[in-house]
Amino acid sequence: MIPLHIIVSIAGPVAGFMLSAILYLSKRNLDEMTQTLTKVENALIELRVEIPKSYVTKEELLTHMQTEERWHENINDQLIQIREEISSLRDWSHHS
């Protein structure tokens, strides 16, 4: 049988090594998580600053919408005129 003092003298350093390894890995993982959270926090701060720069004011949006609406109305009027001209040309060619 192995004497108790030999078992303790072997088990003590092994337990110390295992505890040190566990603490080291835990600290490394905690550092990595802290770095990741810092990156996420910085990205969120940047988004909070950059996103409003991309938006336009309500007045600018309304002006743009009104301009687009006038453009579409103009195109529709032109298409109606073209249709009427084609229709009158067809009528004229059938009567000739």
C-alpha atoms as a PDB file:
ATOM      1  CA  MET A   1       0.000   0.000   0.000  1.00  0.00           C
ATOM      2  CA  ILE A   2       1.188   3.521  -0.815  1.00  0.00           C
ATOM      3  CA  PRO A   3       1.819   5.682   2.243  1.00  0.00           C
ATOM      4  CA  LEU A   4      -0.474   8.653   2.771  1.00  0.00           C
ATOM      5  CA  HIS A   5       2.314  11.244   2.732  1.00  0.00           C
ATOM      6  CA  ILE A   6       3.379  10.118  -0.785  1.00  0.00           C
ATOM      7  CA  ILE A   7      -0.216  10.366  -2.063  1.00  0.00           C
ATOM      8  CA  VAL A   8      -0.557  13.846  -0.545  1.00  0.00           C
ATOM      9  CA  SER A   9       2.834  14.920  -1.925  1.00  0.00           C
ATOM     10  CA  ILE A  10       1.737  13.852  -5.438  1.00  0.00           C
ATOM     11  CA  ALA A  11      -1.912  14.931  -5.244  1.00  0.00           C
ATOM     12  CA  GLY A  12      -1.118  18.415  -3.867  1.00  0.00           C
ATOM     13  CA  PRO A  13       0.919  19.643  -6.856  1.00  0.00           C
ATOM     14  CA  VAL A  14      -1.456  17.935  -9.324  1.00  0.00           C
ATOM     15  CA  ALA A  15      -4.458  19.645  -7.693  1.00  0.00           C
ATOM     16  CA  GLY A  16      -2.534  22.937  -7.662  1.00  0.00           C
ATOM     17  CA  PHE A  17      -1.697  22.556 -11.362  1.00  0.00           C
ATOM     18  CA  MET A  18      -5.315  21.732 -12.243  1.00  0.00           C
ATOM     19  CA  LEU A  19      -6.598  24.705 -10.234  1.00  0.00           C
ATOM     20  CA  SER A  20      -4.041  26.998 -11.880  1.00  0.00           C
ATOM     21  CA  ALA A  21      -5.012  25.713 -15.356  1.00  0.00           C
ATOM     22  CA  ILE A  22      -8.715  26.232 -14.623  1.00  0.00           C
ATOM     23  CA  LEU A  23      -8.100  29.760 -13.320  1.00  0.00           C
ATOM     24  CA  TYR A  24      -5.870  30.624 -16.292  1.00  0.00           C
ATOM     25  CA  LEU A  25      -8.435  29.365 -18.835  1.00  0.00           C
ATOM     26  CA  SER A  26     -11.251  31.153 -17.019  1.00  0.00           C
ATOM     27  CA  LYS A  27      -9.312  34.425 -16.986  1.00  0.00           C
ATOM     28  CA  ARG A  28      -8.435  34.064 -20.686  1.00  0.00           C
ATOM     29  CA  ASN A  29     -12.078  33.379 -21.589  1.00  0.00           C
ATOM     30  CA  LEU A  30     -13.202  36.330 -19.463  1.00  0.00           C
ATOM     31  CA  ASP A  31     -10.671  38.595 -21.210  1.00  0.00           C
ATOM     32  CA  GLU A  32     -11.877  37.425 -24.630  1.00  0.00           C
ATOM     33  CA  MET A  33     -15.513  38.033 -23.664  1.00  0.00           C
ATOM     34  CA  THR A  34     -14.605  41.479 -22.325  1.00  0.00           C
ATOM     35  CA  GLN A  35     -12.856  42.351 -25.595  1.00  0.00           C
ATOM     36  CA  THR A  36     -15.827  41.114 -27.606  1.00  0.00           C
ATOM     37  CA  LEU A  37     -18.271  43.107 -25.489  1.00  0.00           C
ATOM     38  CA  THR A  38     -16.075  46.195 -25.875  1.00  0.00           C
ATOM     39  CA  LYS A  39     -16.119  45.759 -29.669  1.00  0.00           C
ATOM     40  CA  VAL A  40     -19.912  45.379 -29.633  1.00  0.00           C
ATOM     41  CA  GLU A  41     -20.282  48.444 -27.418  1.00  0.00           C
ATOM     42  CA  ASN A  42     -18.065  50.500 -29.743  1.00  0.00           C
ATOM     43  CA  ALA A  43     -20.045  49.310 -32.771  1.00  0.00           C
ATOM     44  CA  LEU A  44     -23.318  50.316 -31.096  1.00  0.00           C
ATOM     45  CA  ILE A  45     -21.948  53.745 -30.216  1.00  0.00           C
ATOM     46  CA  GLU A  46     -20.791  54.200 -33.811  1.00  0.00           C
ATOM     47  CA  LEU A  47     -24.229  53.163 -35.092  1.00  0.00           C
ATOM     48  CA  ARG A  48     -25.928  55.651 -32.773  1.00  0.00           C
ATOM     49  CA  VAL A  49     -23.750  58.399 -34.212  1.00  0.00           C
ATOM     50  CA  GLU A  50     -23.757  57.330 -37.889  1.00  0.00           C
ATOM     51  CA  ILE A  51     -27.381  56.278 -38.426  1.00  0.00           C
ATOM     52  CA  PRO A  52     -28.917  59.712 -37.798  1.00  0.00           C
ATOM     53  CA  LYS A  53     -26.535  61.158 -40.387  1.00  0.00           C
ATOM     54  CA  SER A  54     -28.156  58.907 -43.010  1.00  0.00           C
ATOM     55  CA  TYR A  55     -31.669  60.112 -42.369  1.00  0.00           C
ATOM     56  CA  VAL A  56     -33.308  63.159 -43.858  1.00  0.00           C
ATOM     57  CA  THR A  57     -35.669  65.559 -42.167  1.00  0.00           C
ATOM     58  CA  LYS A  58     -39.409  65.207 -42.565  1.00  0.00           C
ATOM     59  CA  GLU A  59     -39.516  68.330 -44.707  1.00  0.00           C
ATOM     60  CA  GLU A  60     -36.808  67.000 -47.036  1.00  0.00           C
ATOM     61  CA  LEU A  61     -38.677  63.733 -47.418  1.00  0.00           C
ATOM     62  CA  LEU A  62     -41.970  65.503 -48.152  1.00  0.00           C
ATOM     63  CA  THR A  63     -40.283  67.755 -50.736  1.00  0.00           C
ATOM     64  CA  HIS A  64     -38.739  64.724 -52.400  1.00  0.00           C
ATOM     65  CA  MET A  65     -42.074  62.889 -52.439  1.00  0.00           C
ATOM     66  CA  GLN A  66     -43.843  65.913 -53.962  1.00  0.00           C
ATOM     67  CA  THR A  67     -41.149  66.233 -56.628  1.00  0.00           C
ATOM     68  CA  GLU A  68     -41.483  62.545 -57.465  1.00  0.00           C
ATOM     69  CA  GLU A  69     -45.263  62.875 -57.601  1.00  0.00           C
ATOM     70  CA  ARG A  70     -45.011  65.815 -60.047  1.00  0.00           C
ATOM     71  CA  TRP A  71     -42.533  63.874 -62.160  1.00  0.00           C
ATOM     72  CA  HIS A  72     -44.915  60.897 -62.351  1.00  0.00           C
ATOM     73  CA  GLU A  73     -47.847  63.163 -63.221  1.00  0.00           C
ATOM     74  CA  ASN A  74     -45.772  64.751 -65.979  1.00  0.00           C
ATOM     75  CA  ILE A  75     -44.832  61.349 -67.390  1.00  0.00           C
ATOM     76  CA  ASN A  76     -48.474  60.240 -67.246  1.00  0.00           C
ATOM     77  CA  ASP A  77     -49.560  63.408 -69.095  1.00  0.00           C
ATOM     78  CA  GLN A  78     -46.937  62.783 -71.773  1.00  0.00           C
ATOM     79  CA  LEU A  79     -48.077  59.181 -72.172  1.00  0.00           C
ATOM     80  CA  ILE A  80     -51.698  60.322 -72.522  1.00  0.00           C
ATOM     81  CA  GLN A  81     -50.639  62.833 -75.213  1.00  0.00           C
ATOM     82  CA  ILE A  82     -48.660  60.153 -77.066  1.00  0.00           C
ATOM     83  CA  ARG A  83     -51.628  57.800 -76.897  1.00  0.00           C
ATOM     84  CA  GLU A  84     -53.957  60.480 -78.241  1.00  0.00           C
ATOM     85  CA  GLU A  85     -51.546  61.285 -81.079  1.00  0.00           C
ATOM     86  CA  ILE A  86     -51.217  57.616 -82.016  1.00  0.00           C
ATOM     87  CA  SER A  87     -54.988  57.232 -81.871  1.00  0.00           C
ATOM     88  CA  SER A  88     -55.536  60.283 -84.104  1.00  0.00           C
ATOM     89  CA  LEU A  89     -52.899  59.016 -86.559  1.00  0.00           C
ATOM     90  CA  ARG A  90     -54.650  55.655 -86.733  1.00  0.00           C
ATOM     91  CA  ASP A  91     -57.987  57.359 -87.321  1.00  0.00           C
ATOM     92  CA  TRP A  92     -56.471  59.584 -90.024  1.00  0.00           C
ATOM     93  CA  SER A  93     -54.791  56.613 -91.758  1.00  0.00           C
ATOM     94  CA  HIS A  94     -58.061  54.635 -91.781  1.00  0.00           C
ATOM     95  CA  HIS A  95     -59.952  57.511 -93.382  1.00  0.00           C
ATOM     96  CA  SER A  96     -57.405  58.102 -96.112  1.00  0.00           C
END
